[in-house]
Protein backbone atom coordinates (compact mmCIF):
# COMPACT_ATOMS: atom_id res chain seq x y z
CA UNK A 1 102.29 -6.24 -63.49
CA UNK A 2 104.30 -3.00 -63.14
CA UNK A 3 107.87 -3.90 -62.19
CA UNK A 4 108.94 -0.28 -62.05
CA UNK A 5 107.52 0.79 -58.67
CA UNK A 6 108.58 4.18 -57.39
CA UNK A 7 110.43 4.23 -54.05
CA UNK A 8 111.93 6.98 -51.99
CA UNK A 9 115.48 7.76 -53.08
CA UNK A 10 118.18 7.19 -50.39
CA UNK A 11 119.98 10.23 -49.14
CA UNK A 12 122.82 11.35 -51.39
CA UNK A 13 121.22 10.09 -54.61
CA UNK A 14 120.10 12.33 -57.45
CA UNK A 15 116.35 11.88 -57.82
CA UNK A 16 116.15 13.05 -61.43
CA UNK A 17 118.94 10.66 -62.43
CA UNK A 18 117.11 7.80 -60.76
CA UNK A 19 113.97 8.70 -62.71
CA UNK A 20 115.89 8.88 -65.93
CA UNK A 21 117.23 5.36 -65.32
CA UNK A 22 113.72 4.15 -64.54
CA UNK A 23 112.60 5.44 -67.92
CA UNK A 24 115.45 3.70 -69.74
CA UNK A 25 114.78 0.39 -67.95
CA UNK A 26 111.06 0.66 -68.73
CA UNK A 27 111.62 1.33 -72.41
CA UNK A 28 114.24 -1.41 -72.66
CA UNK A 29 111.37 -3.86 -72.22
CA UNK A 30 109.19 -2.06 -74.78
CA UNK A 31 110.81 -2.34 -78.23
CA UNK A 32 107.84 -0.65 -79.92
CA UNK A 33 108.14 2.28 -77.54
CA UNK A 34 105.72 4.19 -75.40
CA UNK A 35 104.17 7.68 -75.44
CA UNK A 36 105.19 10.17 -72.79
CA UNK A 37 101.81 9.95 -71.10
CA UNK A 38 102.08 6.17 -70.84
CA UNK A 39 105.62 6.37 -69.47
CA UNK A 40 104.46 8.80 -66.82
CA UNK A 41 101.43 6.61 -65.94
CA UNK A 42 103.44 3.41 -65.59
CA UNK A 43 106.11 5.02 -63.50
CA UNK A 44 103.83 7.24 -61.49
CA UNK A 45 105.76 10.34 -62.53
CA UNK A 46 104.46 13.89 -63.10
CA UNK A 47 103.67 14.39 -66.82
CA UNK A 48 105.71 17.58 -67.10
CA UNK A 49 108.73 16.04 -65.32
CA UNK A 50 108.51 12.99 -67.58
CA UNK A 51 108.42 15.22 -70.70
CA UNK A 52 111.63 17.07 -69.61
CA UNK A 53 113.43 13.82 -68.71
CA UNK A 54 112.51 12.20 -72.03
CA UNK A 55 113.53 15.29 -73.94
CA UNK A 56 116.96 15.31 -72.21
CA UNK A 57 117.53 11.62 -72.82
CA UNK A 58 116.55 12.05 -76.48
CA UNK A 59 118.87 15.02 -76.92
CA UNK A 60 121.77 12.83 -75.63
CA UNK A 61 120.80 10.01 -78.02
CA UNK A 62 119.79 7.59 -75.25
CA UNK A 63 116.17 7.67 -76.46
CA UNK A 64 114.71 7.92 -79.95
CA UNK A 65 111.18 8.92 -81.12
CA UNK A 66 109.23 7.16 -83.83
CA UNK A 67 108.28 9.95 -86.31
CA UNK A 68 104.89 8.32 -87.03
CA UNK A 69 103.64 6.98 -83.69
CA UNK A 70 105.54 9.58 -81.60
CA UNK A 71 106.41 6.80 -79.20
CA UNK A 72 109.77 6.87 -77.44
CA UNK A 73 112.17 3.88 -77.42
CA UNK A 74 115.74 3.16 -76.46
CA UNK A 75 118.12 5.05 -78.76
CA UNK A 76 121.12 3.69 -80.60
CA UNK A 77 123.51 5.88 -78.62
CA UNK A 78 122.65 3.79 -75.52
CA UNK A 79 123.08 0.58 -77.53
CA UNK A 80 126.44 1.86 -78.75
CA UNK A 81 127.64 2.66 -75.23
CA UNK A 82 126.61 -0.78 -73.98
CA UNK A 83 128.18 -2.56 -76.92
CA UNK A 84 131.44 -0.68 -76.49
CA UNK A 85 131.63 -1.78 -72.90
CA UNK A 86 130.72 -5.43 -73.37
CA UNK A 87 132.95 -5.84 -76.40
CA UNK A 88 135.90 -5.08 -74.13
CA UNK A 89 134.82 -7.61 -71.52
CA UNK A 90 136.58 -10.92 -72.01
CA UNK A 91 133.60 -13.02 -71.00
CA UNK A 92 131.42 -11.36 -73.66
CA UNK A 93 134.11 -11.51 -76.37
CA UNK A 94 134.70 -15.22 -75.94
CA UNK A 95 131.16 -16.18 -74.86
CA UNK A 96 128.95 -14.72 -77.63
CA UNK A 97 129.93 -17.28 -80.27
CA UNK A 98 129.42 -20.38 -78.07
CA UNK A 99 126.10 -18.99 -76.81
CA UNK A 100 124.91 -18.62 -80.42
CA UNK A 101 125.99 -22.16 -81.11
CA UNK A 102 124.15 -23.33 -77.99
CA UNK A 103 121.01 -21.70 -79.39
CA UNK A 104 121.57 -23.33 -82.77
CA UNK A 105 122.12 -26.77 -81.20
CA UNK A 106 119.05 -26.70 -78.97
CA UNK A 107 116.70 -24.30 -80.74
CA UNK A 108 116.10 -22.64 -77.38
CA UNK A 109 116.92 -19.14 -76.24
CA UNK A 110 120.40 -19.19 -74.74
CA UNK A 111 121.96 -16.74 -72.29
CA UNK A 112 125.33 -15.55 -71.00
CA UNK A 113 124.68 -14.13 -67.57
CA UNK A 114 126.75 -12.39 -64.86
CA UNK A 115 126.19 -11.30 -61.28
CA UNK A 116 126.52 -7.76 -60.00
CA UNK A 117 125.71 -7.13 -56.35
CA UNK A 118 122.40 -9.07 -55.89
CA UNK A 119 121.17 -8.83 -59.46
CA UNK A 120 121.80 -10.92 -62.55
CA UNK A 121 122.42 -9.30 -65.92
CA UNK A 122 122.24 -10.96 -69.30
CA UNK A 123 125.29 -9.77 -71.23
CA UNK A 124 124.40 -11.78 -74.30
CA UNK A 125 121.18 -13.44 -75.44
CA UNK A 126 120.64 -15.56 -78.54
CA UNK A 127 116.91 -15.84 -79.28
CA UNK A 128 115.66 -19.39 -79.95
CA UNK A 129 114.58 -20.60 -83.34
CA UNK A 130 111.68 -22.87 -82.40
CA UNK A 131 108.27 -21.59 -83.50
CA UNK A 132 107.22 -21.39 -79.85
CA UNK A 133 109.74 -19.86 -77.43
CA UNK A 134 109.78 -19.72 -73.67
CA UNK A 135 111.74 -16.61 -72.66
CA UNK A 136 112.40 -15.37 -69.18
CA UNK A 137 111.65 -11.74 -68.27
CA UNK A 138 114.03 -9.90 -65.94
CA UNK A 139 112.22 -7.35 -63.78
CA UNK A 140 114.79 -4.65 -62.91
CA UNK A 141 115.61 -4.49 -59.22
CA UNK A 142 113.73 -7.61 -58.20
CA UNK A 143 115.85 -10.30 -56.48
CA UNK A 144 115.40 -13.52 -58.39
CA UNK A 145 118.72 -15.28 -57.67
CA UNK A 146 117.09 -18.07 -55.71
CA UNK A 147 114.45 -18.73 -58.35
CA UNK A 148 116.35 -19.23 -61.60
CA UNK A 149 119.08 -21.60 -62.69
CA UNK A 150 121.65 -18.90 -63.53
CA UNK A 151 121.07 -17.12 -60.25
CA UNK A 152 121.50 -20.28 -58.22
CA UNK A 153 124.65 -21.20 -60.15
CA UNK A 154 126.20 -17.76 -59.50
CA UNK A 155 125.21 -17.91 -55.84
CA UNK A 156 126.56 -21.46 -55.43
CA UNK A 157 130.08 -20.44 -56.50
CA UNK A 158 130.44 -17.29 -54.42
CA UNK A 159 133.01 -17.49 -51.58
CA UNK A 160 131.45 -19.14 -48.53
CA UNK A 161 131.23 -16.02 -46.34
CA UNK A 162 129.87 -13.83 -49.09
CA UNK A 163 127.33 -16.44 -50.11
CA UNK A 164 126.04 -17.07 -46.59
CA UNK A 165 125.69 -13.36 -45.92
CA UNK A 166 123.79 -12.79 -49.17
CA UNK A 167 121.47 -15.78 -48.65
CA UNK A 168 120.72 -14.62 -45.11
CA UNK A 169 119.84 -11.06 -46.08
CA UNK A 170 118.09 -11.28 -49.45
CA UNK A 171 114.32 -11.80 -49.68
CA UNK A 172 113.40 -15.35 -50.78
CA UNK A 173 110.17 -14.42 -52.56
CA UNK A 174 107.86 -17.26 -53.48
CA UNK A 175 107.24 -16.86 -57.21
CA UNK A 176 105.61 -20.25 -57.74
CA UNK A 177 104.76 -23.26 -55.55
CA UNK A 178 108.17 -24.64 -56.50
CA UNK A 179 110.27 -21.70 -55.34
CA UNK A 180 112.85 -22.33 -52.61
CA UNK A 181 111.95 -19.94 -49.78
CA UNK A 182 114.15 -20.85 -46.78
CA UNK A 183 117.90 -20.23 -46.36
CA UNK A 184 118.47 -23.85 -45.24
CA UNK A 185 116.79 -25.31 -48.32
CA UNK A 186 118.57 -22.87 -50.56
CA UNK A 187 122.02 -23.75 -49.09
CA UNK A 188 121.24 -27.44 -49.58
CA UNK A 189 120.36 -26.72 -53.25
CA UNK A 190 123.53 -24.66 -53.73
CA UNK A 191 125.70 -27.45 -52.33
CA UNK A 192 124.13 -29.90 -54.79
CA UNK A 193 124.82 -27.46 -57.67
CA UNK A 194 128.47 -27.23 -56.75
CA UNK A 195 128.73 -31.03 -56.59
CA UNK A 196 126.96 -31.81 -59.86
CA UNK A 197 128.22 -28.83 -61.90
CA UNK A 198 124.90 -27.45 -63.09
CA UNK A 199 121.68 -25.91 -61.82
CA UNK A 200 118.06 -26.46 -62.78
CA UNK A 201 115.02 -24.15 -62.66
CA UNK A 202 112.07 -26.48 -62.11
CA UNK A 203 109.36 -23.90 -62.75
CA UNK A 204 110.64 -21.96 -59.71
CA UNK A 205 110.47 -18.54 -61.34
CA UNK A 206 107.57 -18.99 -63.78
CA UNK A 207 105.16 -21.88 -64.19
CA UNK A 208 105.75 -23.52 -67.56
CA UNK A 209 109.39 -22.35 -67.72
CA UNK A 210 112.39 -24.61 -67.11
CA UNK A 211 116.07 -23.73 -67.38
CA UNK A 212 119.50 -25.38 -67.22
CA UNK A 213 122.61 -23.40 -66.31
CA UNK A 214 126.31 -24.20 -65.90
CA UNK A 215 129.14 -22.09 -64.45
CA UNK A 216 131.78 -20.25 -66.52
CA UNK A 217 135.15 -19.96 -64.78
CA UNK A 218 138.01 -17.57 -65.45
CA UNK A 219 141.73 -18.35 -65.33
CA UNK A 220 141.71 -18.07 -61.56
CA UNK A 221 138.89 -20.54 -61.14
CA UNK A 222 136.37 -17.83 -60.25
CA UNK A 223 132.79 -18.27 -61.54
CA UNK A 224 132.33 -15.11 -63.61
CA UNK A 225 129.22 -16.05 -65.57
CA UNK A 226 126.80 -18.78 -66.56
CA UNK A 227 125.72 -20.35 -69.82
CA UNK A 228 122.03 -21.30 -69.80
CA UNK A 229 118.99 -22.20 -71.90
CA UNK A 230 115.28 -21.74 -71.17
CA UNK A 231 112.80 -24.24 -72.50
CA UNK A 232 109.17 -25.25 -71.98
CA UNK A 233 108.76 -27.30 -68.77
CA UNK A 234 106.48 -29.80 -70.61
CA UNK A 235 109.60 -30.95 -72.50
CA UNK A 236 111.02 -32.55 -69.35
CA UNK A 237 112.48 -35.44 -71.36
CA UNK A 238 115.05 -33.04 -72.87
CA UNK A 239 116.62 -32.15 -69.54
CA UNK A 240 119.59 -34.59 -69.57
CA UNK A 241 120.50 -33.66 -73.14
CA UNK A 242 120.39 -29.96 -72.28
CA UNK A 243 122.48 -30.47 -69.14
CA UNK A 244 125.19 -31.99 -71.27
CA UNK A 245 125.20 -29.41 -74.10
CA UNK A 246 124.98 -26.43 -71.73
CA UNK A 247 127.82 -27.87 -69.64
CA UNK A 248 129.96 -28.31 -72.79
CA UNK A 249 129.26 -24.74 -73.79
CA UNK A 250 130.21 -23.35 -70.38
CA UNK A 251 133.41 -25.48 -70.43
CA UNK A 252 134.36 -24.07 -73.84
CA UNK A 253 133.94 -20.49 -72.66
CA UNK A 254 135.89 -21.27 -69.51
CA UNK A 255 138.76 -22.72 -71.53
CA UNK A 256 138.86 -19.59 -73.69
CA UNK A 257 139.16 -17.55 -70.48
CA UNK A 258 142.17 -19.58 -69.46
CA UNK A 259 140.50 -21.94 -66.96
CA UNK A 260 142.12 -25.30 -66.39
CA UNK A 261 140.19 -27.84 -64.30
CA UNK A 262 141.99 -28.84 -61.06
CA UNK A 263 142.49 -32.43 -62.22
CA UNK A 264 144.15 -31.31 -65.45
CA UNK A 265 146.40 -28.86 -63.55
CA UNK A 266 147.52 -31.65 -61.26
CA UNK A 267 148.23 -33.97 -64.18
CA UNK A 268 150.27 -31.28 -65.93
CA UNK A 269 152.26 -30.69 -62.73
CA UNK A 270 153.09 -34.36 -62.44
CA UNK A 271 154.29 -34.49 -65.99
CA UNK A 272 156.62 -31.50 -65.39
CA UNK A 273 157.92 -33.11 -62.21
């Protein structure tokens, strides 16, 4: 399936910049790279336009070309820019280590995920060490918040007004027979997530894929990220164990960000009094 469909650019946007970003997003999912002709075909771009865009991105270091295959892939300049940004973000700095340890403890691919607008972004991923891995793809631009554990966790902890408005306006696409597709059912699920402290993906995004996610809170008690693992749905007996270890990982990251659970704050206040 081609996730990178071409749409009309809204007024005020720079079309060529949009196309350049489409190329980067496409190649980010193709570590072996693609030829210019294949890039143009997948994106539905004119071949000449694609050639000029790729040449510009390569000149700036955002793309690189394999000298043997002539295929283009994401360049290390782009990786450097991204790393420079995320290394300054507190959630990344304190979360990368615990996410690696979560991967080591479970053998599954572990994620540190944030929400921007209506999209989720993985700021750190530790690839699993089992011989067979179940990894979740992230199609750029497609709204999947209601279908994955991290997305539901981030939604559940938004301020009430913001959450209700977002649930009401975003498309609740049915990805599998298990996907939640009505605002009422989704709000019920989100309330349960807030109460129990974790979210599950029960093959709601992809058949065969299950996930567990827990919220990461900052010093102000705001949910700024999630810790999660993806695992084969056939291993349902592992769920309770994963709920516990993912929750512990999220709590560690939250503590490093200065978060103190309400009960502990109250206890500390009583001791001071």
